[in-house]
């Protein structure tokens, strides 16, 4: 597989230094991508870079994931309007380990293959670098004029930000440039990958390598992902879409991809999956023939949910998605964890009852008429039950006066009451 050809048809190349393709064709090449460790989970905004590393390794080259423990203490000014909060070393180390565990789902770190992935932390080589040594050995090679010409610096100094730019952030591109020089020297790393907003920082690294050791290094960036409607990719009303299930459940993760627009799905399936060009073209044709079936969104959601979480998480998310639309989901309903259950039922009217009443075996009619006023009267409830239109936890109720029991409770506290086909209520026992 040719790395450049693969990224090109997938729409994943924004800029590339001359000679990059030739270098990759010449020999197994080591390339690195920097990851900001400000959280102990990646979010889907990181996935473009991670997929670049994945395709790089699939192409026979060696990926290095650099966690910016040192640069994370500074904060990259690129396209940012404010300085960020600085993190302590203990937090950064924790974040690094969590990020590596996530990257291991995409990259082979453990084999003895010559192109096995590595993870490094720039804090390891920056922590003992004195300020005087740094400005003497690194700073003297890059002029202020060169640094001021970078878009990320010009934007902050042009008056768009009232806060201006601190020396700390101004020095960021030197620190990132030195990372490239260090990896060039220590690991023969010849290529840096990143988002298009990183172009200035990356080329500072290639220039530093040229000026200090006379070496040749390369740069390749991917476009920043956008949505067809102009909204910010990866952002929802509740914030970032995270890879860690503690922050974004597999169900919500699956739902995010399932609900993207047709136009975005056609773009994202190239970027965020390993599906071949032929498979994707077939899915695009299928979508064009019958858009209502949404094969692009379904396959995109399947591929990426399985890759980030697991096949079982994907299957559970699909089953959970069907709960409100199918009568054959009683078993699934009982298997769902509380977080997923509440996400599936988000927006359903709720009513609280006393757990003690259910423990005492209160009749369903008393429970759903007097304690949780879902029905106006027992006769109304009895009539619906006789017509077969009342379900509790997706199971048809045969007797409106049957006793309730704690065995019926989902996660020990919930009852899903369904009146007719689409009228749902969630009863919460406390």
Protein backbone atom coordinates (compact mmCIF):
# COMPACT_ATOMS: atom_id res chain seq x y z
CA UNK A 1 0.00 0.00 0.00
CA UNK A 2 1.34 3.43 -0.96
CA UNK A 3 0.84 5.84 1.95
CA UNK A 4 0.51 9.00 -0.14
CA UNK A 5 -1.86 7.40 -2.65
CA UNK A 6 -3.99 6.02 0.19
CA UNK A 7 -4.26 9.38 1.95
CA UNK A 8 -4.90 11.20 -1.33
CA UNK A 9 -8.01 9.26 -2.36
CA UNK A 10 -9.28 9.41 1.22
CA UNK A 11 -9.05 13.22 1.15
CA UNK A 12 -6.54 13.30 4.01
CA UNK A 13 -3.76 15.48 2.60
CA UNK A 14 -3.77 19.25 2.97
CA UNK A 15 -0.10 20.19 2.51
CA UNK A 16 3.03 18.20 1.85
CA UNK A 17 6.66 19.23 1.53
CA UNK A 18 8.36 18.44 -1.78
CA UNK A 19 10.23 15.14 -1.63
CA UNK A 20 7.92 13.52 0.94
CA UNK A 21 6.46 10.95 -1.46
CA UNK A 22 9.93 10.09 -2.77
CA UNK A 23 11.26 9.57 0.76
CA UNK A 24 8.41 7.20 1.60
CA UNK A 25 8.98 5.19 -1.58
CA UNK A 26 12.73 4.98 -0.97
CA UNK A 27 12.72 3.18 2.41
CA UNK A 28 10.80 2.36 5.56
CA UNK A 29 10.39 5.82 7.06
CA UNK A 30 9.79 6.78 10.67
CA UNK A 31 7.16 9.47 11.13
CA UNK A 32 5.67 11.06 14.22
CA UNK A 33 2.50 12.82 15.23
CA UNK A 34 2.15 14.98 18.33
CA UNK A 35 -0.80 14.48 20.68
CA UNK A 36 -1.81 17.01 23.30
CA UNK A 37 -2.17 15.22 26.68
CA UNK A 38 -4.47 17.76 28.34
CA UNK A 39 -7.08 15.02 29.03
CA UNK A 40 -6.87 11.33 29.84
CA UNK A 41 -8.85 10.47 26.73
CA UNK A 42 -8.66 11.28 23.06
CA UNK A 43 -11.76 12.69 21.38
CA UNK A 44 -12.84 12.20 17.81
CA UNK A 45 -11.03 15.37 16.76
CA UNK A 46 -7.80 13.41 17.35
CA UNK A 47 -8.89 10.52 15.15
CA UNK A 48 -7.79 12.01 11.84
CA UNK A 49 -4.18 12.08 13.03
CA UNK A 50 -4.49 8.64 14.60
CA UNK A 51 -5.83 7.23 11.32
CA UNK A 52 -2.87 8.82 9.51
CA UNK A 53 -0.55 6.87 11.83
CA UNK A 54 -2.59 3.72 11.24
CA UNK A 55 -2.36 4.04 7.46
CA UNK A 56 1.35 4.81 7.81
CA UNK A 57 1.92 1.55 9.69
CA UNK A 58 -0.27 -0.39 7.24
CA UNK A 59 1.99 0.98 4.48
CA UNK A 60 5.07 -0.55 6.12
CA UNK A 61 6.41 2.60 7.78
CA UNK A 62 7.08 3.19 11.48
CA UNK A 63 4.76 5.45 13.50
CA UNK A 64 5.73 7.34 16.63
CA UNK A 65 3.04 8.89 18.79
CA UNK A 66 4.55 11.78 20.71
CA UNK A 67 2.69 12.81 23.83
CA UNK A 68 3.52 16.43 24.48
CA UNK A 69 4.24 16.27 28.21
CA UNK A 70 6.56 19.27 27.97
CA UNK A 71 4.74 21.24 25.29
CA UNK A 72 1.46 20.42 27.05
CA UNK A 73 2.78 22.41 29.99
CA UNK A 74 3.07 25.42 27.68
CA UNK A 75 0.07 25.23 25.38
CA UNK A 76 0.12 25.47 21.60
CA UNK A 77 -0.97 28.93 20.45
CA UNK A 78 -1.93 27.68 16.98
CA UNK A 79 -5.34 29.04 16.10
CA UNK A 80 -6.13 29.56 19.79
CA UNK A 81 -7.28 32.87 21.22
CA UNK A 82 -6.30 32.20 24.83
CA UNK A 83 -3.55 30.56 26.81
CA UNK A 84 -4.49 27.23 28.28
CA UNK A 85 -4.22 25.91 31.81
CA UNK A 86 -0.86 24.31 32.59
CA UNK A 87 -0.77 20.71 33.85
CA UNK A 88 1.46 19.09 36.48
CA UNK A 89 3.71 16.11 35.70
CA UNK A 90 1.62 13.54 37.60
CA UNK A 91 -1.49 14.44 35.60
CA UNK A 92 0.42 14.37 32.34
CA UNK A 93 1.86 10.88 33.08
CA UNK A 94 -1.61 9.56 33.89
CA UNK A 95 -2.99 11.04 30.67
CA UNK A 96 -0.13 9.51 28.68
CA UNK A 97 -0.89 5.99 29.88
CA UNK A 98 -4.60 6.37 29.19
CA UNK A 99 -3.93 7.70 25.68
CA UNK A 100 -1.54 4.85 24.88
CA UNK A 101 -4.19 2.31 25.83
CA UNK A 102 -6.56 3.96 23.35
CA UNK A 103 -3.94 4.17 20.60
CA UNK A 104 -3.22 0.44 21.03
CA UNK A 105 -6.59 -0.22 19.40
CA UNK A 106 -5.30 1.42 16.23
CA UNK A 107 -1.56 0.76 16.23
CA UNK A 108 0.68 -2.25 16.82
CA UNK A 109 2.98 -1.32 19.71
CA UNK A 110 3.87 -4.81 20.90
CA UNK A 111 5.11 -6.90 17.97
CA UNK A 112 8.75 -7.35 17.05
CA UNK A 113 8.11 -5.98 13.55
CA UNK A 114 10.64 -3.34 12.46
CA UNK A 115 7.78 -0.86 12.03
CA UNK A 116 6.17 -1.47 15.44
CA UNK A 117 4.73 1.76 16.82
CA UNK A 118 6.37 3.64 19.68
CA UNK A 119 5.13 6.21 22.13
CA UNK A 120 7.42 8.91 23.45
CA UNK A 121 6.95 11.88 25.77
CA UNK A 122 8.89 15.05 25.05
CA UNK A 123 8.99 15.80 28.77
CA UNK A 124 11.62 13.05 29.02
CA UNK A 125 14.16 15.02 26.97
CA UNK A 126 13.02 18.52 27.86
CA UNK A 127 12.88 18.26 31.67
CA UNK A 128 16.66 18.52 32.15
CA UNK A 129 17.22 21.09 29.42
CA UNK A 130 18.28 24.34 31.10
CA UNK A 131 16.93 27.60 29.77
CA UNK A 132 20.43 28.83 28.91
CA UNK A 133 21.27 25.62 27.05
CA UNK A 134 18.02 25.80 25.11
CA UNK A 135 18.38 29.39 23.91
CA UNK A 136 22.04 28.74 23.05
CA UNK A 137 21.69 25.37 21.31
CA UNK A 138 18.27 25.79 19.73
CA UNK A 139 17.17 29.42 19.84
CA UNK A 140 20.17 30.77 17.95
CA UNK A 141 19.30 28.75 14.84
CA UNK A 142 15.83 30.24 14.28
CA UNK A 143 15.37 33.97 13.84
CA UNK A 144 12.57 36.00 15.39
CA UNK A 145 11.69 37.15 11.87
CA UNK A 146 11.14 33.51 10.85
CA UNK A 147 8.97 32.84 13.92
CA UNK A 148 6.92 36.03 13.50
CA UNK A 149 6.04 35.06 9.94
CA UNK A 150 4.06 32.01 11.10
CA UNK A 151 0.28 32.34 10.79
CA UNK A 152 -0.29 31.07 14.33
CA UNK A 153 1.86 33.90 15.68
CA UNK A 154 0.62 36.61 13.34
CA UNK A 155 -2.99 35.88 14.26
CA UNK A 156 -2.31 36.34 17.96
CA UNK A 157 -0.29 39.51 17.45
CA UNK A 158 -2.63 41.12 14.92
CA UNK A 159 -5.08 42.35 17.52
CA UNK A 160 -7.59 39.51 17.14
CA UNK A 161 -6.85 38.57 20.73
CA UNK A 162 -6.89 41.26 23.40
CA UNK A 163 -4.58 39.19 25.59
CA UNK A 164 -1.73 39.19 23.09
CA UNK A 165 0.82 36.39 23.32
CA UNK A 166 3.17 35.48 26.15
CA UNK A 167 6.81 34.58 25.65
CA UNK A 168 5.87 31.08 26.86
CA UNK A 169 3.56 30.55 23.90
CA UNK A 170 5.86 32.35 21.48
CA UNK A 171 8.54 29.79 22.32
CA UNK A 172 6.20 26.87 21.60
CA UNK A 173 7.24 26.44 17.98
CA UNK A 174 10.90 26.22 19.06
CA UNK A 175 10.01 23.46 21.51
CA UNK A 176 8.08 21.53 18.88
CA UNK A 177 10.85 22.13 16.38
CA UNK A 178 13.33 20.68 18.84
CA UNK A 179 11.15 17.58 19.28
CA UNK A 180 11.55 16.90 15.57
CA UNK A 181 15.31 17.47 15.77
CA UNK A 182 15.59 15.14 18.78
CA UNK A 183 13.61 12.36 17.07
CA UNK A 184 15.61 12.88 13.87
CA UNK A 185 18.84 12.38 15.80
CA UNK A 186 17.72 9.58 18.14
CA UNK A 187 15.25 7.61 16.01
CA UNK A 188 16.04 8.66 12.44
CA UNK A 189 12.57 10.21 12.23
CA UNK A 190 12.27 11.95 8.86
CA UNK A 191 8.61 12.97 8.71
CA UNK A 192 6.18 14.81 10.95
CA UNK A 193 2.42 14.47 10.51
CA UNK A 194 -0.24 16.79 11.87
CA UNK A 195 -3.32 18.88 11.23
CA UNK A 196 -3.16 21.81 8.84
CA UNK A 197 -2.99 24.23 11.79
CA UNK A 198 0.38 22.63 12.69
CA UNK A 199 2.11 23.43 9.40
CA UNK A 200 4.06 26.38 10.82
CA UNK A 201 5.31 24.43 13.85
CA UNK A 202 6.23 21.40 11.74
CA UNK A 203 8.20 23.38 9.18
CA UNK A 204 10.08 25.10 12.01
CA UNK A 205 11.26 21.58 12.88
CA UNK A 206 12.37 20.79 9.34
CA UNK A 207 14.21 24.13 9.21
CA UNK A 208 15.90 23.48 12.57
CA UNK A 209 17.09 20.06 11.34
CA UNK A 210 18.46 21.65 8.17
CA UNK A 211 20.28 24.44 10.02
CA UNK A 212 21.71 22.39 12.89
CA UNK A 213 22.74 19.10 11.31
CA UNK A 214 22.27 19.72 7.61
CA UNK A 215 19.62 17.00 7.47
CA UNK A 216 16.57 16.69 5.30
CA UNK A 217 13.17 16.17 6.92
CA UNK A 218 9.62 16.34 5.67
CA UNK A 219 6.14 17.52 6.63
CA UNK A 220 2.64 16.36 5.78
CA UNK A 221 -0.62 17.74 7.15
CA UNK A 222 -4.25 16.70 6.88
CA UNK A 223 -7.15 19.11 6.51
CA UNK A 224 -9.11 20.14 9.57
CA UNK A 225 -12.39 18.25 9.50
CA UNK A 226 -15.53 20.29 9.03
CA UNK A 227 -19.24 19.56 8.81
CA UNK A 228 -21.26 20.20 5.68
CA UNK A 229 -23.51 22.64 7.55
CA UNK A 230 -20.53 24.66 8.78
CA UNK A 231 -20.77 23.42 12.37
CA UNK A 232 -17.72 22.27 14.30
CA UNK A 233 -16.89 18.60 13.82
CA UNK A 234 -16.99 16.42 16.93
CA UNK A 235 -18.91 18.86 19.09
CA UNK A 236 -22.37 18.07 20.44
CA UNK A 237 -24.62 19.90 22.87
CA UNK A 238 -22.92 18.02 25.70
CA UNK A 239 -19.39 18.78 24.45
CA UNK A 240 -16.69 16.64 22.85
CA UNK A 241 -17.33 13.11 21.63
CA UNK A 242 -14.71 11.16 23.60
CA UNK A 243 -13.19 7.75 22.96
CA UNK A 244 -13.32 6.83 26.65
CA UNK A 245 -16.70 5.27 27.56
CA UNK A 246 -16.59 7.10 30.92
CA UNK A 247 -17.10 10.37 29.07
CA UNK A 248 -19.08 9.29 25.99
CA UNK A 249 -20.91 5.98 26.20
CA UNK A 250 -20.62 3.53 23.28
CA UNK A 251 -24.34 4.15 22.63
CA UNK A 252 -23.89 7.92 22.31
CA UNK A 253 -20.68 7.39 20.31
CA UNK A 254 -22.56 5.11 17.89
CA UNK A 255 -25.47 7.56 17.68
CA UNK A 256 -23.13 10.43 16.77
CA UNK A 257 -21.90 8.65 13.65
CA UNK A 258 -25.31 7.22 12.78
CA UNK A 259 -26.81 10.72 12.69
CA UNK A 260 -24.29 12.53 10.48
CA UNK A 261 -25.58 13.96 7.21
CA UNK A 262 -25.34 12.03 3.93
CA UNK A 263 -22.69 14.44 2.68
CA UNK A 264 -20.60 14.12 5.83
CA UNK A 265 -21.00 10.33 5.90
CA UNK A 266 -19.56 10.06 2.38
CA UNK A 267 -16.52 12.05 3.55
CA UNK A 268 -16.08 10.55 7.02
CA UNK A 269 -16.23 6.93 5.88
CA UNK A 270 -13.05 7.52 3.87
CA UNK A 271 -11.26 9.20 6.76
CA UNK A 272 -12.33 7.17 9.78
CA UNK A 273 -12.41 3.59 8.47
CA UNK A 274 -10.09 1.14 6.73
CA UNK A 275 -12.70 0.19 4.15
CA UNK A 276 -11.31 -0.10 0.64
CA UNK A 277 -12.08 2.31 -2.16
CA UNK A 278 -14.26 -0.30 -3.86
CA UNK A 279 -16.30 -0.97 -0.69
CA UNK A 280 -16.88 2.73 -0.13
CA UNK A 281 -17.86 3.36 -3.74
CA UNK A 282 -20.38 0.51 -3.50
CA UNK A 283 -21.85 2.01 -0.32
CA UNK A 284 -22.06 5.46 -1.93
CA UNK A 285 -23.93 3.95 -4.89
CA UNK A 286 -26.25 2.07 -2.52
CA UNK A 287 -26.95 5.30 -0.64
CA UNK A 288 -27.72 7.17 -3.86
CA UNK A 289 -30.15 4.43 -4.92
CA UNK A 290 -32.00 4.36 -1.59
CA UNK A 291 -31.02 7.23 0.77
CA UNK A 292 -33.66 6.24 3.30
CA UNK A 293 -31.80 3.06 4.23
CA UNK A 294 -28.70 5.14 5.10
CA UNK A 295 -26.12 2.40 4.41
CA UNK A 296 -23.23 4.90 4.64
CA UNK A 297 -24.12 6.06 8.15
CA UNK A 298 -24.83 2.53 9.35
CA UNK A 299 -21.53 1.13 8.08
CA UNK A 300 -19.56 4.16 9.30
CA UNK A 301 -21.07 3.81 12.78
CA UNK A 302 -20.39 0.07 12.78
CA UNK A 303 -16.75 0.33 11.71
CA UNK A 304 -15.72 3.13 14.02
CA UNK A 305 -17.69 1.98 17.08
CA UNK A 306 -16.18 -1.51 16.74
CA UNK A 307 -12.68 -0.09 16.31
CA UNK A 308 -12.87 2.33 19.25
CA UNK A 309 -14.95 0.17 21.60
CA UNK A 310 -15.75 -3.43 20.60
CA UNK A 311 -18.03 -5.54 18.42
CA UNK A 312 -20.17 -6.28 21.49
CA UNK A 313 -20.52 -2.58 22.32
CA UNK A 314 -21.59 -1.96 18.73
CA UNK A 315 -24.20 -4.75 18.88
CA UNK A 316 -25.54 -3.41 22.19
CA UNK A 317 -25.78 0.11 20.74
CA UNK A 318 -27.74 -1.20 17.74
CA UNK A 319 -30.07 -3.17 20.00
CA UNK A 320 -30.53 -0.18 22.30
CA UNK A 321 -31.36 2.01 19.31
CA UNK A 322 -34.25 -0.32 18.47
CA UNK A 323 -35.82 -0.35 21.94
CA UNK A 324 -38.39 2.35 21.25
CA UNK A 325 -39.25 0.95 17.82
CA UNK A 326 -39.53 -2.79 18.39
CA UNK A 327 -41.56 -5.08 20.62
CA UNK A 328 -38.93 -7.81 20.70
CA UNK A 329 -36.46 -6.08 22.99
CA UNK A 330 -37.44 -7.10 26.53
CA UNK A 331 -34.23 -9.08 27.04
CA UNK A 332 -32.10 -6.25 25.65
CA UNK A 333 -33.83 -3.76 27.94
CA UNK A 334 -32.91 -5.80 31.01
CA UNK A 335 -29.28 -6.09 29.88
CA UNK A 336 -28.69 -2.37 29.40
CA UNK A 337 -26.58 -0.53 31.95
CA UNK A 338 -28.21 2.44 33.64
CA UNK A 339 -26.31 5.09 31.68
CA UNK A 340 -27.28 3.63 28.30
CA UNK A 341 -30.86 3.03 29.43
CA UNK A 342 -31.28 6.68 30.42
CA UNK A 343 -29.67 7.86 27.18
CA UNK A 344 -32.05 5.72 25.12
CA UNK A 345 -35.01 7.09 27.07
CA UNK A 346 -33.83 10.70 27.09
CA UNK A 347 -36.88 12.94 26.76
CA UNK A 348 -39.40 10.30 27.84
CA UNK A 349 -41.79 11.66 30.54
CA UNK A 350 -40.88 10.42 34.03
CA UNK A 351 -42.72 9.84 37.29
CA UNK A 352 -41.36 8.91 40.71
CA UNK A 353 -42.85 6.32 43.04
CA UNK A 354 -41.81 4.89 46.40
CA UNK A 355 -39.65 1.77 46.12
CA UNK A 356 -41.38 0.53 49.28
CA UNK A 357 -44.71 0.34 47.41
CA UNK A 358 -43.21 -1.94 44.78
CA UNK A 359 -41.50 -4.03 47.46
CA UNK A 360 -44.93 -4.41 49.12
CA UNK A 361 -46.41 -5.76 45.85
CA UNK A 362 -48.68 -2.86 44.97
CA UNK A 363 -51.05 -3.63 42.09
CA UNK A 364 -50.11 -2.19 38.71
CA UNK A 365 -53.41 -0.29 38.48
CA UNK A 366 -52.78 1.41 41.81
CA UNK A 367 -49.18 2.11 40.84
CA UNK A 368 -49.89 3.61 37.42
CA UNK A 369 -53.06 5.52 38.31
CA UNK A 370 -52.58 6.74 41.88
CA UNK A 371 -48.82 6.71 42.53
CA UNK A 372 -47.57 7.54 39.05
CA UNK A 373 -50.48 9.23 37.24
CA UNK A 374 -49.84 7.74 33.81
CA UNK A 375 -53.56 6.85 33.45
CA UNK A 376 -56.47 9.07 34.41
CA UNK A 377 -58.45 6.15 35.79
CA UNK A 378 -58.27 2.43 36.43
CA UNK A 379 -61.04 1.81 33.92
CA UNK A 380 -58.99 3.52 31.21
CA UNK A 381 -55.98 1.37 32.12
CA UNK A 382 -58.09 -1.81 32.28
CA UNK A 383 -59.59 -1.11 28.87
CA UNK A 384 -56.16 -0.58 27.25
CA UNK A 385 -54.88 -3.75 28.91
CA UNK A 386 -57.79 -5.78 27.52
CA UNK A 387 -56.99 -4.42 24.05
CA UNK A 388 -53.38 -5.58 24.41
CA UNK A 389 -52.05 -2.02 24.34
CA UNK A 390 -50.25 -1.84 27.70
CA UNK A 391 -46.64 -2.99 28.03
CA UNK A 392 -44.24 -2.81 30.94
CA UNK A 393 -40.56 -3.24 30.06
CA UNK A 394 -41.59 -4.26 26.54
CA UNK A 395 -43.70 -7.16 27.83
CA UNK A 396 -47.46 -7.15 27.31
CA UNK A 397 -49.49 -6.80 30.51
CA UNK A 398 -52.34 -9.32 30.75
CA UNK A 399 -53.79 -8.25 34.10
CA UNK A 400 -54.09 -4.58 35.05
CA UNK A 401 -54.35 -5.55 38.73
CA UNK A 402 -51.34 -7.88 38.84
CA UNK A 403 -48.86 -7.03 41.61
CA UNK A 404 -45.67 -5.16 40.84
CA UNK A 405 -42.39 -6.62 42.11
CA UNK A 406 -38.76 -5.59 42.41
CA UNK A 407 -37.91 -8.30 39.85
CA UNK A 408 -39.55 -6.09 37.25
CA UNK A 409 -37.25 -3.13 37.92
CA UNK A 410 -34.58 -2.30 35.35
CA UNK A 411 -31.26 -1.65 37.08
CA UNK A 412 -33.13 -2.01 40.35
CA UNK A 413 -35.11 1.23 39.95
CA UNK A 414 -36.86 1.74 36.59
CA UNK A 415 -40.04 0.60 34.84
CA UNK A 416 -40.67 1.44 31.19
CA UNK A 417 -44.39 1.80 30.66
CA UNK A 418 -45.73 1.83 27.10
CA UNK A 419 -49.26 2.94 26.18
CA UNK A 420 -49.96 1.93 22.61
CA UNK A 421 -47.21 2.00 20.03
CA UNK A 422 -45.36 5.23 20.79
CA UNK A 423 -46.47 6.62 24.14
CA UNK A 424 -43.71 5.93 26.71
CA UNK A 425 -43.29 6.79 30.39
CA UNK A 426 -40.39 6.02 32.71
CA UNK A 427 -41.29 5.20 36.29
CA UNK A 428 -38.46 5.70 38.78
CA UNK A 429 -38.65 3.88 42.10
CA UNK A 430 -36.84 5.64 44.94
